[in-house]
Amino acid sequence: MQNLLRFIRMYNFLIIFLLLEGYSINLYLKHNSFQNNIILSNTNKYTGKVYQISNNITQYFKLQTINNQLLNENSKLYNRISNNEIKDRDDEKKFNYISSKIINNSIFKRNNYLTISKGEKHGIKEGMGVICENGVIGVVHSTSNNYSLIISILNKKSAISICLKKQNNYGSLKWSGFNYKIANIENIPNHVKTVIGDTIITNGYSTIFPAGINIGTIKSFKENSETGNKDIIIDLFTDFNQVKYVYVVKSEESIEQLNLESLIHE
């Protein structure tokens, strides 16, 4: 203890300087989203390698659990195929899925991100949707050659188009920033009938996600006379503290649709 106090007395000015410098940089990045995005994109390549090394060490001790998860997931996929649940339809977009492993994940911040172990050379691009076996994860924010940074739905910048599975009314998925197990649904009018336990899914209008991807179930709701829309809280199907593997959603037809729609703004 005496050595620690002696060290602090000797370097107190340096310690104070470093603390103030760190706090200043944090404030600067927090209130300048453009610079923050640049730093996130540039550091993604290097931090991805560090995350992967540390993640490989951690995963070594969890191989049995991960193998069981993979076996269960493969079993579900084989059952879906055998039951002819996966069908090609001429009136729906065709989606392909790129599997990847999560090597870094945050859930307790106001703006949470994930890093996955695949990037540009694997066909992943900015704006692609990301899902797991239980539901929606987020959207690709930026990529390097071997890694991708994902904006989690546990992020104040995230807004996913959804619908009520039974009533087929459309709304938006938002996150309040307090609990990684729940989220909020906006833009559902007060007159729409809602029931606790109803399922929330992707609506299919988005070019990012296919229709019918599970998101969660209604936990509670109440009418809001000021906005004219209900305040809905849902339980998310995905446990973001446990998820290890994801699928990046790729659709050439969606890219064609976006290119066509972009002509309106030219």
Protein backbone atom coordinates (compact mmCIF):
# COMPACT_ATOMS: atom_id res chain seq x y z
CA MET A 1 0.00 0.00 0.00
CA GLN A 2 2.86 2.38 0.82
CA ASN A 3 4.46 1.64 -2.54
CA LEU A 4 1.17 2.41 -4.30
CA LEU A 5 0.78 5.73 -2.49
CA ARG A 6 4.41 6.61 -3.25
CA PHE A 7 3.83 5.82 -6.93
CA ILE A 8 0.71 8.03 -7.03
CA ARG A 9 2.54 10.94 -5.40
CA MET A 10 5.42 10.64 -7.87
CA TYR A 11 3.24 10.51 -10.98
CA ASN A 12 0.09 12.32 -9.87
CA PHE A 13 0.30 14.96 -12.61
CA LEU A 14 0.78 12.32 -15.32
CA ILE A 15 -2.13 10.26 -14.00
CA ILE A 16 -4.43 13.30 -13.91
CA PHE A 17 -3.34 14.28 -17.42
CA LEU A 18 -4.09 10.81 -18.82
CA LEU A 19 -7.50 10.69 -17.15
CA LEU A 20 -8.47 14.12 -18.48
CA GLU A 21 -7.13 13.27 -21.93
CA GLY A 22 -9.16 10.06 -22.03
CA TYR A 23 -12.30 11.84 -20.86
CA SER A 24 -11.84 14.56 -23.49
CA ILE A 25 -11.43 12.02 -26.29
CA ASN A 26 -14.53 10.18 -25.09
CA LEU A 27 -16.60 13.39 -25.12
CA TYR A 28 -15.28 14.33 -28.57
CA LEU A 29 -16.22 10.98 -30.11
CA LYS A 30 -19.55 10.81 -28.29
CA HIS A 31 -20.76 14.11 -29.78
CA ASN A 32 -19.19 13.72 -33.25
CA SER A 33 -20.84 10.75 -34.98
CA PHE A 34 -18.88 11.24 -38.24
CA GLN A 35 -15.49 10.88 -36.55
CA ASN A 36 -16.85 8.06 -34.42
CA ASN A 37 -17.90 6.10 -37.51
CA ILE A 38 -14.51 6.67 -39.17
CA ILE A 39 -12.67 5.34 -36.12
CA LEU A 40 -14.99 2.34 -35.88
CA SER A 41 -14.38 1.49 -39.54
CA ASN A 42 -10.60 1.96 -39.42
CA THR A 43 -10.06 0.05 -36.19
CA ASN A 44 -12.33 -2.81 -37.17
CA LYS A 45 -9.56 -4.56 -39.12
CA TYR A 46 -7.07 -4.50 -36.23
CA THR A 47 -9.38 -5.03 -33.28
CA GLY A 48 -10.96 -7.96 -35.10
CA LYS A 49 -7.69 -9.89 -34.94
CA VAL A 50 -7.29 -9.18 -31.23
CA TYR A 51 -10.88 -10.21 -30.51
CA GLN A 52 -10.46 -13.42 -32.48
CA ILE A 53 -7.36 -14.46 -30.55
CA SER A 54 -9.00 -13.85 -27.18
CA ASN A 55 -12.22 -15.45 -28.38
CA ASN A 56 -10.39 -18.59 -29.57
CA ILE A 57 -8.88 -19.03 -26.11
CA THR A 58 -12.29 -18.63 -24.45
CA GLN A 59 -14.06 -20.91 -26.90
CA TYR A 60 -11.52 -23.68 -26.33
CA PHE A 61 -13.04 -24.24 -22.89
CA LYS A 62 -16.61 -24.18 -24.24
CA LEU A 63 -16.29 -26.63 -27.12
CA GLN A 64 -18.78 -29.12 -25.73
CA THR A 65 -21.50 -26.52 -25.27
CA ILE A 66 -20.88 -25.02 -28.71
CA ASN A 67 -20.92 -28.44 -30.36
CA ASN A 68 -24.27 -29.19 -28.74
CA GLN A 69 -25.66 -25.88 -30.01
CA LEU A 70 -24.46 -26.65 -33.54
CA LEU A 71 -25.94 -30.15 -33.44
CA ASN A 72 -29.30 -28.78 -32.27
CA GLU A 73 -29.28 -26.11 -34.94
CA ASN A 74 -28.38 -28.57 -37.70
CA SER A 75 -31.12 -30.88 -36.47
CA LYS A 76 -33.68 -28.08 -36.76
CA LEU A 77 -32.52 -27.25 -40.28
CA TYR A 78 -32.68 -30.88 -41.40
CA ASN A 79 -36.18 -31.19 -39.93
CA ARG A 80 -37.33 -28.08 -41.78
CA ILE A 81 -35.98 -29.43 -45.06
CA SER A 82 -37.51 -32.88 -44.54
CA ASN A 83 -40.88 -31.32 -43.72
CA ASN A 84 -40.64 -29.22 -46.89
CA GLU A 85 -40.87 -25.96 -44.95
CA ILE A 86 -38.18 -24.28 -47.02
CA LYS A 87 -39.70 -23.58 -50.45
CA ASP A 88 -38.81 -21.33 -53.37
CA ARG A 89 -41.58 -18.96 -54.38
CA ASP A 90 -41.66 -16.84 -57.49
CA ASP A 91 -43.30 -13.93 -55.61
CA GLU A 92 -40.63 -13.73 -52.89
CA LYS A 93 -37.03 -12.61 -52.87
CA LYS A 94 -34.40 -15.36 -52.83
CA PHE A 95 -32.04 -15.08 -49.89
CA ASN A 96 -28.70 -16.76 -49.26
CA TYR A 97 -27.06 -17.05 -45.85
CA ILE A 98 -23.38 -16.70 -44.92
CA SER A 99 -22.61 -18.37 -41.58
CA SER A 100 -20.10 -16.76 -39.22
CA LYS A 101 -18.90 -16.78 -35.62
CA ILE A 102 -19.23 -13.87 -33.21
CA ILE A 103 -15.80 -12.93 -31.83
CA ASN A 104 -16.84 -9.86 -29.84
CA ASN A 105 -20.18 -8.72 -28.47
CA SER A 106 -21.42 -5.93 -26.19
CA ILE A 107 -24.85 -5.88 -24.54
CA PHE A 108 -24.62 -3.42 -21.65
CA LYS A 109 -23.77 -0.22 -23.56
CA ARG A 110 -26.24 2.32 -24.93
CA ASN A 111 -25.00 1.55 -28.45
CA ASN A 112 -23.99 -2.09 -28.81
CA TYR A 113 -22.02 -3.72 -31.63
CA LEU A 114 -20.87 -7.20 -32.57
CA THR A 115 -17.80 -8.31 -34.49
CA ILE A 116 -17.96 -11.43 -36.66
CA SER A 117 -15.16 -13.46 -38.22
CA LYS A 118 -16.06 -12.94 -41.90
CA GLY A 119 -15.85 -9.88 -44.12
CA GLU A 120 -15.55 -8.57 -47.66
CA LYS A 121 -13.72 -11.57 -49.10
CA HIS A 122 -16.61 -13.77 -47.97
CA GLY A 123 -19.18 -11.64 -49.81
CA ILE A 124 -20.37 -9.53 -46.88
CA LYS A 125 -21.24 -5.89 -47.54
CA GLU A 126 -22.50 -2.93 -45.54
CA GLY A 127 -26.25 -2.90 -44.99
CA MET A 128 -26.80 -6.66 -45.00
CA GLY A 129 -29.04 -8.13 -42.33
CA VAL A 130 -27.75 -10.51 -39.66
CA ILE A 131 -29.83 -13.20 -37.95
CA CYS A 132 -29.37 -16.25 -35.73
CA GLU A 133 -31.47 -19.37 -35.22
CA ASN A 134 -33.72 -17.53 -32.74
CA GLY A 135 -34.25 -14.24 -34.54
CA VAL A 136 -32.84 -10.92 -35.73
CA ILE A 137 -29.38 -9.78 -34.59
CA GLY A 138 -28.72 -6.53 -36.47
CA VAL A 139 -27.31 -4.96 -39.64
CA VAL A 140 -23.75 -4.87 -41.04
CA HIS A 141 -22.21 -1.46 -40.25
CA SER A 142 -18.77 -1.79 -41.87
CA THR A 143 -16.40 -4.46 -43.15
CA SER A 144 -12.71 -5.22 -43.57
CA ASN A 145 -11.29 -8.09 -45.59
CA ASN A 146 -11.82 -10.73 -42.89
CA TYR A 147 -14.15 -9.12 -40.33
CA SER A 148 -17.46 -7.29 -40.12
CA LEU A 149 -18.87 -4.89 -37.54
CA ILE A 150 -22.59 -5.33 -36.82
CA ILE A 151 -24.97 -2.73 -35.39
CA SER A 152 -26.92 -4.78 -32.88
CA ILE A 153 -30.66 -4.23 -32.48
CA LEU A 154 -29.54 -3.27 -28.95
CA ASN A 155 -28.50 0.10 -30.33
CA LYS A 156 -30.34 3.44 -30.33
CA LYS A 157 -29.49 3.86 -34.04
CA SER A 158 -31.19 0.59 -34.96
CA ALA A 159 -34.72 0.53 -36.42
CA ILE A 160 -36.06 -2.74 -37.86
CA SER A 161 -39.36 -2.99 -39.77
CA ILE A 162 -41.69 -5.49 -38.09
CA CYS A 163 -45.28 -6.67 -38.07
CA LEU A 164 -47.65 -8.37 -35.66
CA LYS A 165 -47.85 -11.97 -36.85
CA LYS A 166 -51.59 -12.37 -36.23
CA GLN A 167 -52.88 -8.90 -37.09
CA ASN A 168 -50.30 -8.17 -39.80
CA ASN A 169 -49.95 -4.51 -38.72
CA TYR A 170 -46.58 -2.87 -39.36
CA GLY A 171 -44.32 -1.02 -36.95
CA SER A 172 -40.70 -0.47 -35.94
CA LEU A 173 -38.45 -2.26 -33.48
CA LYS A 174 -36.49 0.07 -31.19
CA TRP A 175 -34.41 -0.42 -28.06
CA SER A 176 -34.79 1.66 -24.90
CA GLY A 177 -31.23 0.99 -23.79
CA PHE A 178 -31.69 -0.67 -20.40
CA ASN A 179 -32.30 -4.41 -20.73
CA TYR A 180 -30.81 -6.67 -23.41
CA LYS A 181 -33.73 -9.10 -23.06
CA ILE A 182 -36.50 -6.67 -24.04
CA ALA A 183 -37.20 -4.06 -26.74
CA ASN A 184 -39.95 -1.65 -27.81
CA ILE A 185 -42.37 -1.59 -30.72
CA GLU A 186 -43.42 1.77 -32.16
CA ASN A 187 -46.02 2.99 -34.70
CA ILE A 188 -48.74 0.46 -33.91
CA PRO A 189 -52.04 2.47 -33.74
CA ASN A 190 -54.12 2.38 -30.56
CA HIS A 191 -57.06 0.76 -32.35
CA VAL A 192 -55.07 -2.33 -33.35
CA LYS A 193 -55.92 -5.34 -31.22
CA THR A 194 -52.88 -6.66 -29.37
CA VAL A 195 -52.60 -9.59 -26.99
CA ILE A 196 -49.83 -10.42 -24.54
CA GLY A 197 -47.86 -13.32 -26.01
CA ASP A 198 -48.48 -12.37 -29.66
CA THR A 199 -45.43 -12.93 -31.87
CA ILE A 200 -43.48 -10.11 -33.57
CA ILE A 201 -41.78 -10.93 -36.90
CA THR A 202 -40.03 -9.12 -39.77
CA ASN A 203 -42.56 -7.80 -42.28
CA GLY A 204 -40.78 -8.59 -45.56
CA TYR A 205 -41.01 -5.03 -46.92
CA SER A 206 -37.40 -4.48 -45.96
CA THR A 207 -34.71 -5.38 -48.47
CA ILE A 208 -32.52 -6.48 -45.56
CA PHE A 209 -34.49 -9.33 -43.98
CA PRO A 210 -36.84 -11.95 -45.40
CA ALA A 211 -40.40 -11.97 -44.10
CA GLY A 212 -41.32 -14.04 -41.07
CA ILE A 213 -38.07 -13.95 -39.07
CA ASN A 214 -38.97 -14.20 -35.39
CA ILE A 215 -38.11 -11.27 -33.12
CA GLY A 216 -40.05 -11.68 -29.88
CA THR A 217 -43.41 -11.81 -28.10
CA ILE A 218 -45.49 -9.01 -26.57
CA LYS A 219 -44.71 -8.61 -22.87
CA SER A 220 -46.93 -5.60 -22.12
CA PHE A 221 -48.70 -2.72 -23.88
CA LYS A 222 -50.75 0.39 -23.22
CA GLU A 223 -52.45 3.01 -25.34
CA ASN A 224 -50.79 6.41 -25.73
CA SER A 225 -53.31 9.20 -26.39
CA GLU A 226 -50.57 11.74 -27.19
CA THR A 227 -48.97 9.78 -30.03
CA GLY A 228 -52.01 7.78 -31.09
CA ASN A 229 -49.84 4.66 -31.01
CA LYS A 230 -49.45 1.93 -28.43
CA ASP A 231 -46.40 1.67 -26.17
CA ILE A 232 -45.46 -1.98 -26.60
CA ILE A 233 -42.69 -3.88 -24.81
CA ILE A 234 -41.59 -7.28 -26.14
CA ASP A 235 -39.47 -10.15 -24.86
CA LEU A 236 -36.75 -10.86 -27.42
CA PHE A 237 -36.36 -14.46 -28.58
CA THR A 238 -32.59 -14.03 -28.90
CA ASP A 239 -30.48 -14.08 -25.75
CA PHE A 240 -27.71 -11.71 -26.81
CA ASN A 241 -25.60 -12.82 -23.85
CA GLN A 242 -25.48 -16.40 -25.16
CA VAL A 243 -25.53 -16.21 -28.97
CA LYS A 244 -22.33 -17.46 -30.63
CA TYR A 245 -23.10 -17.98 -34.32
CA VAL A 246 -24.97 -15.85 -36.87
CA TYR A 247 -26.06 -15.83 -40.50
CA VAL A 248 -25.55 -12.81 -42.75
CA VAL A 249 -28.49 -12.41 -45.15
CA LYS A 250 -27.60 -11.89 -48.79
CA SER A 251 -30.01 -11.23 -51.65
CA GLU A 252 -29.04 -10.22 -55.18
CA GLU A 253 -32.69 -9.36 -55.86
CA SER A 254 -32.66 -6.92 -52.93
CA ILE A 255 -29.58 -5.21 -54.37
CA GLU A 256 -31.38 -4.91 -57.72
CA GLN A 257 -34.43 -3.42 -55.96
CA LEU A 258 -32.31 -0.86 -54.09
CA ASN A 259 -30.51 0.18 -57.27
CA LEU A 260 -33.83 0.68 -59.06
CA GLU A 261 -35.40 2.63 -56.19
CA SER A 262 -32.30 4.84 -55.92
CA LEU A 263 -33.09 6.26 -59.38
CA ILE A 264 -36.01 8.14 -57.81
CA HIS A 265 -33.57 10.32 -55.87
CA GLU A 266 -31.23 11.08 -58.76
